[in-house]
Amino acid sequence: MEFNERKRWVFLGLPFTFTVYHLREDMITISQGFFKKIENDCYMYKVQDVELTASFMERIVGIGTVKCFTGDTTHSQLVIEHVKKAREIKEFILKYSEEARLKRRTVNMLDIGTGEMNDIDDMV
């Protein structure tokens, strides 16, 4: 499965920008610019959390903004701005980022303390 979406104007939701978002099962790619092209990639396994926001104007025209919080060193936040099907894109990223972390065995687990913890001062 794959998503290709363009950034849109908030006014009427028209796609008259030069930003294109490519979402694949293993990677998110953001291409920006007309004269100077900038391409930014992030592997799905680095996505830690996803947030969906939609302002009043965005909701009127049926678009939203998806913010990805990543462990990437160059961009700790990837913002997929003003896109249609924002909820579907958010669910897609959540699903495939979890699958990618499981596949690469980079899942973070919390130890909620089932046993006793020894204080480092007690060891001295």
PDB file of N, CA and C in Angstrom:
ATOM      1  N   MET A   1       0.839  -1.183   0.000  1.00  0.00           N
ATOM      2  CA  MET A   1       0.000   0.000   0.000  1.00  0.00           C
ATOM      3  C   MET A   1       0.877   1.237   0.000  1.00  0.00           C
ATOM      4  N   GLU A   2       0.385   2.291  -0.608  1.00  0.00           N
ATOM      5  CA  GLU A   2       1.177   3.501  -0.771  1.00  0.00           C
ATOM      6  C   GLU A   2       0.251   4.704  -0.863  1.00  0.00           C
ATOM      7  N   PHE A   3       0.688   5.838  -0.322  1.00  0.00           N
ATOM      8  CA  PHE A   3      -0.038   7.099  -0.449  1.00  0.00           C
ATOM      9  C   PHE A   3       0.844   8.093  -1.186  1.00  0.00           C
ATOM     10  N   ASN A   4       0.272   8.802  -2.127  1.00  0.00           N
ATOM     11  CA  ASN A   4       0.906   9.948  -2.762  1.00  0.00           C
ATOM     12  C   ASN A   4      -0.068  11.101  -2.618  1.00  0.00           C
ATOM     13  N   GLU A   5       0.363  12.156  -1.961  1.00  0.00           N
ATOM     14  CA  GLU A   5      -0.535  13.269  -1.683  1.00  0.00           C
ATOM     15  C   GLU A   5       0.216  14.571  -1.838  1.00  0.00           C
ATOM     16  N   ARG A   6      -0.492  15.617  -2.242  1.00  0.00           N
ATOM     17  CA  ARG A   6       0.084  16.953  -2.381  1.00  0.00           C
ATOM     18  C   ARG A   6      -0.354  17.831  -1.219  1.00  0.00           C
ATOM     19  N   LYS A   7       0.544  18.732  -0.828  1.00  0.00           N
ATOM     20  CA  LYS A   7       0.178  19.754   0.136  1.00  0.00           C
ATOM     21  C   LYS A   7      -0.826  20.675  -0.556  1.00  0.00           C
ATOM     22  N   ARG A   8      -1.823  21.103   0.172  1.00  0.00           N
ATOM     23  CA  ARG A   8      -2.882  21.927  -0.398  1.00  0.00           C
ATOM     24  C   ARG A   8      -2.947  23.280   0.300  1.00  0.00           C
ATOM     25  N   TRP A   9      -3.555  24.225  -0.390  1.00  0.00           N
ATOM     26  CA  TRP A   9      -3.858  25.503   0.235  1.00  0.00           C
ATOM     27  C   TRP A   9      -5.008  25.290   1.200  1.00  0.00           C
ATOM     28  N   VAL A  10      -4.994  26.009   2.288  1.00  0.00           N
ATOM     29  CA  VAL A  10      -6.113  25.925   3.210  1.00  0.00           C
ATOM     30  C   VAL A  10      -7.353  26.535   2.549  1.00  0.00           C
ATOM     31  N   PHE A  11      -7.141  27.544   1.701  1.00  0.00           N
ATOM     32  CA  PHE A  11      -8.248  28.170   0.976  1.00  0.00           C
ATOM     33  C   PHE A  11      -8.758  27.208  -0.090  1.00  0.00           C
ATOM     34  N   LEU A  12      -9.924  26.671   0.088  1.00  0.00           N
ATOM     35  CA  LEU A  12     -10.603  25.745  -0.821  1.00  0.00           C
ATOM     36  C   LEU A  12      -9.918  24.392  -0.974  1.00  0.00           C
ATOM     37  N   GLY A  13      -8.818  24.151  -0.308  1.00  0.00           N
ATOM     38  CA  GLY A  13      -8.149  22.852  -0.377  1.00  0.00           C
ATOM     39  C   GLY A  13      -7.552  22.535  -1.734  1.00  0.00           C
ATOM     40  N   LEU A  14      -7.129  23.540  -2.462  1.00  0.00           N
ATOM     41  CA  LEU A  14      -6.584  23.339  -3.812  1.00  0.00           C
ATOM     42  C   LEU A  14      -5.109  22.942  -3.753  1.00  0.00           C
ATOM     43  N   PRO A  15      -4.681  21.968  -4.577  1.00  0.00           N
ATOM     44  CA  PRO A  15      -3.293  21.472  -4.526  1.00  0.00           C
ATOM     45  C   PRO A  15      -2.326  22.265  -5.405  1.00  0.00           C
ATOM     46  N   PHE A  16      -2.237  23.595  -5.199  1.00  0.00           N
ATOM     47  CA  PHE A  16      -1.353  24.431  -6.013  1.00  0.00           C
ATOM     48  C   PHE A  16      -0.029  24.699  -5.313  1.00  0.00           C
ATOM     49  N   THR A  17       0.587  23.682  -4.750  1.00  0.00           N
ATOM     50  CA  THR A  17       1.903  23.842  -4.125  1.00  0.00           C
ATOM     51  C   THR A  17       2.861  22.850  -4.770  1.00  0.00           C
ATOM     52  N   PHE A  18       4.115  23.004  -4.477  1.00  0.00           N
ATOM     53  CA  PHE A  18       5.134  22.124  -5.045  1.00  0.00           C
ATOM     54  C   PHE A  18       5.689  21.171  -3.990  1.00  0.00           C
ATOM     55  N   THR A  19       4.857  20.782  -3.042  1.00  0.00           N
ATOM     56  CA  THR A  19       5.241  19.815  -2.024  1.00  0.00           C
ATOM     57  C   THR A  19       4.435  18.544  -2.236  1.00  0.00           C
ATOM     58  N   VAL A  20       5.154  17.419  -2.364  1.00  0.00           N
ATOM     59  CA  VAL A  20       4.510  16.125  -2.581  1.00  0.00           C
ATOM     60  C   VAL A  20       4.984  15.168  -1.494  1.00  0.00           C
ATOM     61  N   TYR A  21       4.028  14.437  -0.911  1.00  0.00           N
ATOM     62  CA  TYR A  21       4.320  13.464   0.134  1.00  0.00           C
ATOM     63  C   TYR A  21       4.139  12.064  -0.442  1.00  0.00           C
ATOM     64  N   HIS A  22       5.174  11.227  -0.312  1.00  0.00           N
ATOM     65  CA  HIS A  22       5.116   9.824  -0.740  1.00  0.00           C
ATOM     66  C   HIS A  22       5.245   8.978   0.519  1.00  0.00           C
ATOM     67  N   LEU A  23       4.229   8.189   0.809  1.00  0.00           N
ATOM     68  CA  LEU A  23       4.250   7.329   1.984  1.00  0.00           C
ATOM     69  C   LEU A  23       4.203   5.892   1.524  1.00  0.00           C
ATOM     70  N   ARG A  24       5.253   5.163   1.860  1.00  0.00           N
ATOM     71  CA  ARG A  24       5.321   3.738   1.536  1.00  0.00           C
ATOM     72  C   ARG A  24       5.395   2.954   2.837  1.00  0.00           C
ATOM     73  N   GLU A  25       5.343   1.650   2.731  1.00  0.00           N
ATOM     74  CA  GLU A  25       5.357   0.799   3.922  1.00  0.00           C
ATOM     75  C   GLU A  25       6.656   0.899   4.702  1.00  0.00           C
ATOM     76  N   ASP A  26       7.751   1.312   4.053  1.00  0.00           N
ATOM     77  CA  ASP A  26       9.039   1.362   4.737  1.00  0.00           C
ATOM     78  C   ASP A  26       9.623   2.764   4.868  1.00  0.00           C
ATOM     79  N   MET A  27       9.027   3.783   4.186  1.00  0.00           N
ATOM     80  CA  MET A  27       9.652   5.095   4.174  1.00  0.00           C
ATOM     81  C   MET A  27       8.637   6.200   3.901  1.00  0.00           C
ATOM     82  N   ILE A  28       8.914   7.377   4.462  1.00  0.00           N
ATOM     83  CA  ILE A  28       8.162   8.594   4.172  1.00  0.00           C
ATOM     84  C   ILE A  28       9.113   9.526   3.434  1.00  0.00           C
ATOM     85  N   THR A  29       8.687  10.052   2.285  1.00  0.00           N
ATOM     86  CA  THR A  29       9.505  10.971   1.504  1.00  0.00           C
ATOM     87  C   THR A  29       8.714  12.253   1.275  1.00  0.00           C
ATOM     88  N   ILE A  30       9.365  13.395   1.543  1.00  0.00           N
ATOM     89  CA  ILE A  30       8.758  14.701   1.303  1.00  0.00           C
ATOM     90  C   ILE A  30       9.602  15.417   0.261  1.00  0.00           C
ATOM     91  N   SER A  31       8.998  15.747  -0.882  1.00  0.00           N
ATOM     92  CA  SER A  31       9.680  16.482  -1.961  1.00  0.00           C
ATOM     93  C   SER A  31       9.108  17.884  -2.000  1.00  0.00           C
ATOM     94  N   GLN A  32       9.995  18.885  -1.943  1.00  0.00           N
ATOM     95  CA  GLN A  32       9.565  20.271  -1.928  1.00  0.00           C
ATOM     96  C   GLN A  32      10.311  21.073  -2.973  1.00  0.00           C
ATOM     97  N   GLY A  33       9.678  22.116  -3.476  1.00  0.00           N
ATOM     98  CA  GLY A  33      10.344  23.094  -4.312  1.00  0.00           C
ATOM     99  C   GLY A  33      10.058  22.969  -5.785  1.00  0.00           C
ATOM    100  N   PHE A  34      10.274  24.073  -6.476  1.00  0.00           N
ATOM    101  CA  PHE A  34      10.111  24.130  -7.927  1.00  0.00           C
ATOM    102  C   PHE A  34      11.462  24.365  -8.594  1.00  0.00           C
ATOM    103  N   PHE A  35      12.137  25.449  -8.248  1.00  0.00           N
ATOM    104  CA  PHE A  35      13.458  25.720  -8.802  1.00  0.00           C
ATOM    105  C   PHE A  35      14.539  24.924  -8.083  1.00  0.00           C
ATOM    106  N   LYS A  36      14.442  24.875  -6.787  1.00  0.00           N
ATOM    107  CA  LYS A  36      15.388  24.104  -5.979  1.00  0.00           C
ATOM    108  C   LYS A  36      14.609  22.982  -5.313  1.00  0.00           C
ATOM    109  N   LYS A  37      14.894  21.744  -5.693  1.00  0.00           N
ATOM    110  CA  LYS A  37      14.198  20.582  -5.137  1.00  0.00           C
ATOM    111  C   LYS A  37      14.885  20.137  -3.862  1.00  0.00           C
ATOM    112  N   ILE A  38      14.109  19.927  -2.829  1.00  0.00           N
ATOM    113  CA  ILE A  38      14.604  19.389  -1.565  1.00  0.00           C
ATOM    114  C   ILE A  38      13.804  18.128  -1.281  1.00  0.00           C
ATOM    115  N   GLU A  39      14.508  17.038  -1.020  1.00  0.00           N
ATOM    116  CA  GLU A  39      13.853  15.770  -0.730  1.00  0.00           C
ATOM    117  C   GLU A  39      14.313  15.280   0.630  1.00  0.00           C
ATOM    118  N   ASN A  40      13.369  14.958   1.481  1.00  0.00           N
ATOM    119  CA  ASN A  40      13.663  14.504   2.828  1.00  0.00           C
ATOM    120  C   ASN A  40      13.026  13.133   3.029  1.00  0.00           C
ATOM    121  N   ASP A  41      13.797  12.179   3.546  1.00  0.00           N
ATOM    122  CA  ASP A  41      13.317  10.816   3.771  1.00  0.00           C
ATOM    123  C   ASP A  41      13.386  10.484   5.261  1.00  0.00           C
ATOM    124  N   CYS A  42      12.488   9.614   5.677  1.00  0.00           N
ATOM    125  CA  CYS A  42      12.514   9.087   7.039  1.00  0.00           C
ATOM    126  C   CYS A  42      12.008   7.651   6.983  1.00  0.00           C
ATOM    127  N   TYR A  43      12.781   6.735   7.556  1.00  0.00           N
ATOM    128  CA  TYR A  43      12.343   5.340   7.610  1.00  0.00           C
ATOM    129  C   TYR A  43      11.197   5.196   8.591  1.00  0.00           C
ATOM    130  N   MET A  44      10.276   4.316   8.280  1.00  0.00           N
ATOM    131  CA  MET A  44       9.095   4.119   9.123  1.00  0.00           C
ATOM    132  C   MET A  44       9.459   3.658  10.531  1.00  0.00           C
ATOM    133  N   TYR A  45      10.514   2.865  10.673  1.00  0.00           N
ATOM    134  CA  TYR A  45      10.837   2.352  11.999  1.00  0.00           C
ATOM    135  C   TYR A  45      11.290   3.457  12.946  1.00  0.00           C
ATOM    136  N   LYS A  46      11.640   4.637  12.407  1.00  0.00           N
ATOM    137  CA  LYS A  46      12.059   5.748  13.259  1.00  0.00           C
ATOM    138  C   LYS A  46      10.894   6.587  13.768  1.00  0.00           C
ATOM    139  N   VAL A  47       9.700   6.383  13.217  1.00  0.00           N
ATOM    140  CA  VAL A  47       8.527   7.136  13.662  1.00  0.00           C
ATOM    141  C   VAL A  47       8.083   6.588  15.012  1.00  0.00           C
ATOM    142  N   GLN A  48       8.037   7.466  16.013  1.00  0.00           N
ATOM    143  CA  GLN A  48       7.688   7.056  17.368  1.00  0.00           C
ATOM    144  C   GLN A  48       6.251   7.386  17.732  1.00  0.00           C
ATOM    145  N   ASP A  49       5.742   8.502  17.230  1.00  0.00           N
ATOM    146  CA  ASP A  49       4.376   8.901  17.545  1.00  0.00           C
ATOM    147  C   ASP A  49       3.834   9.746  16.411  1.00  0.00           C
ATOM    148  N   VAL A  50       2.506   9.783  16.290  1.00  0.00           N
ATOM    149  CA  VAL A  50       1.852  10.515  15.213  1.00  0.00           C
ATOM    150  C   VAL A  50       0.713  11.330  15.808  1.00  0.00           C
ATOM    151  N   GLU A  51       0.571  12.561  15.327  1.00  0.00           N
ATOM    152  CA  GLU A  51      -0.476  13.450  15.811  1.00  0.00           C
ATOM    153  C   GLU A  51      -1.245  14.014  14.627  1.00  0.00           C
ATOM    154  N   LEU A  52      -2.554  14.060  14.731  1.00  0.00           N
ATOM    155  CA  LEU A  52      -3.412  14.621  13.686  1.00  0.00           C
ATOM    156  C   LEU A  52      -4.049  15.897  14.216  1.00  0.00           C
ATOM    157  N   THR A  53      -3.907  16.993  13.471  1.00  0.00           N
ATOM    158  CA  THR A  53      -4.565  18.237  13.824  1.00  0.00           C
ATOM    159  C   THR A  53      -5.346  18.739  12.616  1.00  0.00           C
ATOM    160  N   ALA A  54      -6.427  19.424  12.896  1.00  0.00           N
ATOM    161  CA  ALA A  54      -7.227  20.037  11.840  1.00  0.00           C
ATOM    162  C   ALA A  54      -7.842  21.310  12.388  1.00  0.00           C
ATOM    163  N   SER A  55      -7.433  22.435  11.852  1.00  0.00           N
ATOM    164  CA  SER A  55      -8.006  23.710  12.278  1.00  0.00           C
ATOM    165  C   SER A  55      -9.436  23.816  11.753  1.00  0.00           C
ATOM    166  N   PHE A  56     -10.114  24.855  12.161  1.00  0.00           N
ATOM    167  CA  PHE A  56     -11.493  25.055  11.725  1.00  0.00           C
ATOM    168  C   PHE A  56     -11.567  25.163  10.200  1.00  0.00           C
ATOM    169  N   MET A  57     -10.673  25.952   9.613  1.00  0.00           N
ATOM    170  CA  MET A  57     -10.674  26.111   8.143  1.00  0.00           C
ATOM    171  C   MET A  57     -10.313  24.800   7.445  1.00  0.00           C
ATOM    172  N   GLU A  58      -9.361  24.048   8.007  1.00  0.00           N
ATOM    173  CA  GLU A  58      -8.999  22.758   7.417  1.00  0.00           C
ATOM    174  C   GLU A  58     -10.188  21.803   7.435  1.00  0.00           C
ATOM    175  N   ARG A  59     -10.931  21.789   8.537  1.00  0.00           N
ATOM    176  CA  ARG A  59     -12.097  20.906   8.618  1.00  0.00           C
ATOM    177  C   ARG A  59     -13.175  21.298   7.617  1.00  0.00           C
ATOM    178  N   ILE A  60     -13.324  22.578   7.371  1.00  0.00           N
ATOM    179  CA  ILE A  60     -14.328  23.033   6.405  1.00  0.00           C
ATOM    180  C   ILE A  60     -14.031  22.490   5.012  1.00  0.00           C
ATOM    181  N   VAL A  61     -12.759  22.512   4.594  1.00  0.00           N
ATOM    182  CA  VAL A  61     -12.407  22.050   3.242  1.00  0.00           C
ATOM    183  C   VAL A  61     -12.007  20.576   3.210  1.00  0.00           C
ATOM    184  N   GLY A  62     -12.013  19.882   4.361  1.00  0.00           N
ATOM    185  CA  GLY A  62     -11.770  18.442   4.387  1.00  0.00           C
ATOM    186  C   GLY A  62     -10.314  18.033   4.310  1.00  0.00           C
ATOM    187  N   ILE A  63      -9.431  18.834   4.922  1.00  0.00           N
ATOM    188  CA  ILE A  63      -8.009  18.484   4.954  1.00  0.00           C
ATOM    189  C   ILE A  63      -7.536  18.474   6.399  1.00  0.00           C
ATOM    190  N   GLY A  64      -6.309  18.019   6.626  1.00  0.00           N
ATOM    191  CA  GLY A  64      -5.733  17.980   7.962  1.00  0.00           C
ATOM    192  C   GLY A  64      -4.219  17.965   7.893  1.00  0.00           C
ATOM    193  N   THR A  65      -3.583  18.057   9.046  1.00  0.00           N
ATOM    194  CA  THR A  65      -2.131  18.046   9.148  1.00  0.00           C
ATOM    195  C   THR A  65      -1.714  16.897  10.056  1.00  0.00           C
ATOM    196  N   VAL A  66      -0.765  16.087   9.581  1.00  0.00           N
ATOM    197  CA  VAL A  66      -0.255  14.952  10.343  1.00  0.00           C
ATOM    198  C   VAL A  66       1.183  15.268  10.743  1.00  0.00           C
ATOM    199  N   LYS A  67       1.457  15.213  12.048  1.00  0.00           N
ATOM    200  CA  LYS A  67       2.801  15.482  12.556  1.00  0.00           C
ATOM    201  C   LYS A  67       3.383  14.175  13.071  1.00  0.00           C
ATOM    202  N   CYS A  68       4.559  13.798  12.557  1.00  0.00           N
ATOM    203  CA  CYS A  68       5.251  12.572  12.967  1.00  0.00           C
ATOM    204  C   CYS A  68       6.432  12.954  13.851  1.00  0.00           C
ATOM    205  N   PHE A  69       6.470  12.395  15.047  1.00  0.00           N
ATOM    206  CA  PHE A  69       7.601  12.592  15.952  1.00  0.00           C
ATOM    207  C   PHE A  69       8.541  11.414  15.733  1.00  0.00           C
ATOM    208  N   THR A  70       9.776  11.706  15.333  1.00  0.00           N
ATOM    209  CA  THR A  70      10.690  10.652  14.927  1.00  0.00           C
ATOM    210  C   THR A  70      11.963  10.652  15.757  1.00  0.00           C
ATOM    211  N   GLY A  71      12.715   9.585  15.614  1.00  0.00           N
ATOM    212  CA  GLY A  71      14.036   9.482  16.211  1.00  0.00           C
ATOM    213  C   GLY A  71      15.112   9.860  15.209  1.00  0.00           C
ATOM    214  N   ASP A  72      14.722  10.506  14.124  1.00  0.00           N
ATOM    215  CA  ASP A  72      15.650  10.908  13.072  1.00  0.00           C
ATOM    216  C   ASP A  72      16.488  12.089  13.558  1.00  0.00           C
ATOM    217  N   THR A  73      17.773  12.101  13.238  1.00  0.00           N
ATOM    218  CA  THR A  73      18.651  13.150  13.736  1.00  0.00           C
ATOM    219  C   THR A  73      18.467  14.469  12.992  1.00  0.00           C
ATOM    220  N   THR A  74      18.140  14.431  11.706  1.00  0.00           N
ATOM    221  CA  THR A  74      18.009  15.677  10.947  1.00  0.00           C
ATOM    222  C   THR A  74      16.669  16.356  11.172  1.00  0.00           C
ATOM    223  N   HIS A  75      15.596  15.591  11.271  1.00  0.00           N
ATOM    224  CA  HIS A  75      14.266  16.161  11.502  1.00  0.00           C
ATOM    225  C   HIS A  75      13.559  15.341  12.569  1.00  0.00           C
ATOM    226  N   SER A  76      13.454  15.912  13.760  1.00  0.00           N
ATOM    227  CA  SER A  76      12.775  15.175  14.830  1.00  0.00           C
ATOM    228  C   SER A  76      11.264  15.220  14.660  1.00  0.00           C
ATOM    229  N   GLN A  77      10.774  16.129  13.815  1.00  0.00           N
ATOM    230  CA  GLN A  77       9.348  16.189  13.516  1.00  0.00           C
ATOM    231  C   GLN A  77       9.161  16.323  12.010  1.00  0.00           C
ATOM    232  N   LEU A  78       8.417  15.414  11.434  1.00  0.00           N
ATOM    233  CA  LEU A  78       8.023  15.518  10.033  1.00  0.00           C
ATOM    234  C   LEU A  78       6.581  15.979  10.002  1.00  0.00           C
ATOM    235  N   VAL A  79       6.318  17.041   9.280  1.00  0.00           N
ATOM    236  CA  VAL A  79       4.967  17.582   9.223  1.00  0.00           C
ATOM    237  C   VAL A  79       4.423  17.375   7.816  1.00  0.00           C
ATOM    238  N   ILE A  80       3.320  16.663   7.742  1.00  0.00           N
ATOM    239  CA  ILE A  80       2.635  16.423   6.476  1.00  0.00           C
ATOM    240  C   ILE A  80       1.423  17.353   6.504  1.00  0.00           C
ATOM    241  N   GLU A  81       1.601  18.524   5.857  1.00  0.00           N
ATOM    242  CA  GLU A  81       0.646  19.618   6.021  1.00  0.00           C
ATOM    243  C   GLU A  81      -0.471  19.609   4.990  1.00  0.00           C
ATOM    244  N   HIS A  82      -1.655  19.944   5.448  1.00  0.00           N
ATOM    245  CA  HIS A  82      -2.819  20.234   4.611  1.00  0.00           C
ATOM    246  C   HIS A  82      -3.065  19.167   3.546  1.00  0.00           C
ATOM    247  N   VAL A  83      -3.319  17.936   3.970  1.00  0.00           N
ATOM    248  CA  VAL A  83      -3.559  16.835   3.030  1.00  0.00           C
ATOM    249  C   VAL A  83      -4.970  16.287   3.206  1.00  0.00           C
ATOM    250  N   LYS A  84      -5.517  15.795   2.119  1.00  0.00           N
ATOM    251  CA  LYS A  84      -6.785  15.078   2.182  1.00  0.00           C
ATOM    252  C   LYS A  84      -6.508  13.695   2.762  1.00  0.00           C
ATOM    253  N   LYS A  85      -7.508  13.049   3.290  1.00  0.00           N
ATOM    254  CA  LYS A  85      -7.410  11.721   3.896  1.00  0.00           C
ATOM    255  C   LYS A  85      -6.379  11.708   5.035  1.00  0.00           C
ATOM    256  N   ALA A  86      -6.342  12.769   5.822  1.00  0.00           N
ATOM    257  CA  ALA A  86      -5.343  12.890   6.890  1.00  0.00           C
ATOM    258  C   ALA A  86      -5.483  11.779   7.922  1.00  0.00           C
ATOM    259  N   ARG A  87      -6.710  11.407   8.275  1.00  0.00           N
ATOM    260  CA  ARG A  87      -6.904  10.336   9.254  1.00  0.00           C
ATOM    261  C   ARG A  87      -6.397   9.004   8.707  1.00  0.00           C
ATOM    262  N   GLU A  88      -6.660   8.713   7.432  1.00  0.00           N
ATOM    263  CA  GLU A  88      -6.171   7.473   6.824  1.00  0.00           C
ATOM    264  C   GLU A  88      -4.652   7.452   6.779  1.00  0.00           C
ATOM    265  N   ILE A  89      -4.043   8.594   6.484  1.00  0.00           N
ATOM    266  CA  ILE A  89      -2.584   8.685   6.454  1.00  0.00           C
ATOM    267  C   ILE A  89      -2.012   8.450   7.847  1.00  0.00           C
ATOM    268  N   LYS A  90      -2.631   9.034   8.863  1.00  0.00           N
ATOM    269  CA  LYS A  90      -2.178   8.823  10.245  1.00  0.00           C
ATOM    270  C   LYS A  90      -2.241   7.350  10.623  1.00  0.00           C
ATOM    271  N   GLU A  91      -3.351   6.688  10.327  1.00  0.00           N
ATOM    272  CA  GLU A  91      -3.500   5.265  10.637  1.00  0.00           C
ATOM    273  C   GLU A  91      -2.491   4.420   9.855  1.00  0.00           C
ATOM    274  N   PHE A  92      -2.240   4.782   8.599  1.00  0.00           N
ATOM    275  CA  PHE A  92      -1.252   4.091   7.767  1.00  0.00           C
ATOM    276  C   PHE A  92       0.129   4.174   8.405  1.00  0.00           C
ATOM    277  N   ILE A  93       0.525   5.376   8.835  1.00  0.00           N
ATOM    278  CA  ILE A  93       1.843   5.571   9.441  1.00  0.00           C
ATOM    279  C   ILE A  93       1.950   4.803  10.754  1.00  0.00           C
ATOM    280  N   LEU A  94       0.910   4.859  11.578  1.00  0.00           N
ATOM    281  CA  LEU A  94       0.947   4.122  12.845  1.00  0.00           C
ATOM    282  C   LEU A  94       1.100   2.623  12.616  1.00  0.00           C
ATOM    283  N   LYS A  95       0.337   2.081  11.694  1.00  0.00           N
ATOM    284  CA  LYS A  95       0.376   0.643  11.432  1.00  0.00           C
ATOM    285  C   LYS A  95       1.736   0.203  10.902  1.00  0.00           C
ATOM    286  N   TYR A  96       2.218   0.881   9.876  1.00  0.00           N
ATOM    287  CA  TYR A  96       3.451   0.426   9.244  1.00  0.00           C
ATOM    288  C   TYR A  96       4.704   0.808  10.020  1.00  0.00           C
ATOM    289  N   SER A  97       4.635   1.843  10.853  1.00  0.00           N
ATOM    290  CA  SER A  97       5.797   2.140  11.699  1.00  0.00           C
ATOM    291  C   SER A  97       5.954   1.062  12.768  1.00  0.00           C
ATOM    292  N   GLU A  98       4.832   0.595  13.317  1.00  0.00           N
ATOM    293  CA  GLU A  98       4.889  -0.486  14.308  1.00  0.00           C
ATOM    294  C   GLU A  98       5.401  -1.773  13.671  1.00  0.00           C
ATOM    295  N   GLU A  99       4.916  -2.096  12.477  1.00  0.00           N
ATOM    296  CA  GLU A  99       5.391  -3.294  11.781  1.00  0.00           C
ATOM    297  C   GLU A  99       6.882  -3.197  11.462  1.00  0.00           C
ATOM    298  N   ALA A 100       7.335  -2.012  11.057  1.00  0.00           N
ATOM    299  CA  ALA A 100       8.753  -1.831  10.734  1.00  0.00           C
ATOM    300  C   ALA A 100       9.620  -1.977  11.980  1.00  0.00           C
ATOM    301  N   ARG A 101       9.151  -1.459  13.120  1.00  0.00           N
ATOM    302  CA  ARG A 101       9.920  -1.612  14.367  1.00  0.00           C
ATOM    303  C   ARG A 101       9.979  -3.070  14.791  1.00  0.00           C
ATOM    304  N   LEU A 102       8.888  -3.790  14.644  1.00  0.00           N
ATOM    305  CA  LEU A 102       8.898  -5.209  14.993  1.00  0.00           C
ATOM    306  C   LEU A 102       9.821  -5.994  14.065  1.00  0.00           C
ATOM    307  N   LYS A 103       9.799  -5.644  12.789  1.00  0.00           N
ATOM    308  CA  LYS A 103      10.637  -6.337  11.805  1.00  0.00           C
ATOM    309  C   LYS A 103      12.121  -6.101  12.083  1.00  0.00           C
ATOM    310  N   ARG A 104      12.480  -4.882  12.472  1.00  0.00           N
ATOM    311  CA  ARG A 104      13.878  -4.544  12.751  1.00  0.00           C
ATOM    312  C   ARG A 104      14.262  -4.802  14.206  1.00  0.00           C
ATOM    313  N   ARG A 105      13.288  -5.242  14.986  1.00  0.00           N
ATOM    314  CA  ARG A 105      13.487  -5.518  16.418  1.00  0.00           C
ATOM    315  C   ARG A 105      13.986  -4.293  17.168  1.00  0.00           C
ATOM    316  N   THR A 106      13.365  -3.169  16.897  1.00  0.00           N
ATOM    317  CA  THR A 106      13.721  -1.925  17.585  1.00  0.00           C
ATOM    318  C   THR A 106      12.572  -1.419  18.441  1.00  0.00           C
ATOM    319  N   VAL A 107      11.711  -2.317  18.895  1.00  0.00           N
ATOM    320  CA  VAL A 107      10.561  -1.936  19.702  1.00  0.00           C
ATOM    321  C   VAL A 107      11.038  -1.585  21.104  1.00  0.00           C
ATOM    322  N   ASN A 108      10.572  -0.451  21.619  1.00  0.00           N
ATOM    323  CA  ASN A 108      10.899  -0.039  22.984  1.00  0.00           C
ATOM    324  C   ASN A 108       9.831  -0.560  23.922  1.00  0.00           C
ATOM    325  N   MET A 109      10.247  -1.273  24.928  1.00  0.00           N
ATOM    326  CA  MET A 109       9.316  -1.794  25.927  1.00  0.00           C
ATOM    327  C   MET A 109       9.592  -1.096  27.251  1.00  0.00           C
ATOM    328  N   LEU A 110       8.546  -0.858  28.018  1.00  0.00           N
ATOM    329  CA  LEU A 110       8.690  -0.270  29.333  1.00  0.00           C
ATOM    330  C   LEU A 110       8.736  -1.365  30.379  1.00  0.00           C
ATOM    331  N   ASP A 111       9.658  -1.256  31.313  1.00  0.00           N
ATOM    332  CA  ASP A 111       9.714  -2.170  32.446  1.00  0.00           C
ATOM    333  C   ASP A 111       8.979  -1.481  33.582  1.00  0.00           C
ATOM    334  N   ILE A 112       7.785  -1.963  33.893  1.00  0.00           N
ATOM    335  CA  ILE A 112       6.965  -1.289  34.904  1.00  0.00           C
ATOM    336  C   ILE A 112       7.224  -1.817  36.302  1.00  0.00           C
ATOM    337  N   GLY A 113       8.302  -2.557  36.463  1.00  0.00           N
ATOM    338  CA  GLY A 113       8.737  -2.938  37.802  1.00  0.00           C
ATOM    339  C   GLY A 113       8.011  -4.121  38.390  1.00  0.00           C
ATOM    340  N   THR A 114       8.148  -5.267  37.798  1.00  0.00           N
ATOM    341  CA  THR A 114       7.537  -6.460  38.363  1.00  0.00           C
ATOM    342  C   THR A 114       8.368  -7.038  39.489  1.00  0.00           C
ATOM    343  N   GLY A 115       9.629  -6.698  39.536  1.00  0.00           N
ATOM    344  CA  GLY A 115      10.509  -7.180  40.593  1.00  0.00           C
ATOM    345  C   GLY A 115      11.054  -6.011  41.393  1.00  0.00           C
ATOM    346  N   GLU A 116      11.968  -6.293  42.291  1.00  0.00           N
ATOM    347  CA  GLU A 116      12.548  -5.232  43.102  1.00  0.00           C
ATOM    348  C   GLU A 116      13.726  -4.617  42.386  1.00  0.00           C
ATOM    349  N   MET A 117      13.857  -3.314  42.588  1.00  0.00           N
ATOM    350  CA  MET A 117      15.005  -2.594  42.022  1.00  0.00           C
ATOM    351  C   MET A 117      15.976  -2.306  43.176  1.00  0.00           C
ATOM    352  N   ASN A 118      17.233  -2.511  42.949  1.00  0.00           N
ATOM    353  CA  ASN A 118      18.244  -2.203  43.954  1.00  0.00           C
ATOM    354  C   ASN A 118      18.761  -0.801  43.722  1.00  0.00           C
ATOM    355  N   ASP A 119      18.818  -0.035  44.777  1.00  0.00           N
ATOM    356  CA  ASP A 119      19.333   1.314  44.699  1.00  0.00           C
ATOM    357  C   ASP A 119      20.855   1.239  44.591  1.00  0.00           C
ATOM    358  N   ILE A 120      21.449   2.112  43.795  1.00  0.00           N
ATOM    359  CA  ILE A 120      22.890   2.058  43.597  1.00  0.00           C
ATOM    360  C   ILE A 120      23.633   2.395  44.897  1.00  0.00           C
ATOM    361  N   ASP A 121      23.002   3.198  45.789  1.00  0.00           N
ATOM    362  CA  ASP A 121      23.640   3.528  47.065  1.00  0.00           C
ATOM    363  C   ASP A 121      23.687   2.320  48.001  1.00  0.00           C
ATOM    364  N   ASP A 122      22.755   1.379  47.853  1.00  0.00           N
ATOM    365  CA  ASP A 122      22.751   0.196  48.694  1.00  0.00           C
ATOM    366  C   ASP A 122      23.881  -0.763  48.344  1.00  0.00           C
ATOM    367  N   MET A 123      24.438  -0.642  47.142  1.00  0.00           N
ATOM    368  CA  MET A 123      25.485  -1.558  46.697  1.00  0.00           C
ATOM    369  C   MET A 123      26.833  -1.202  47.289  1.00  0.00           C
ATOM    370  N   VAL A 124      27.003   0.010  47.789  1.00  0.00           N
ATOM    371  CA  VAL A 124      28.289   0.471  48.287  1.00  0.00           C
ATOM    372  C   VAL A 124      28.570  -0.051  49.657  1.00  0.00           C
TER     373      VAL A 124
END
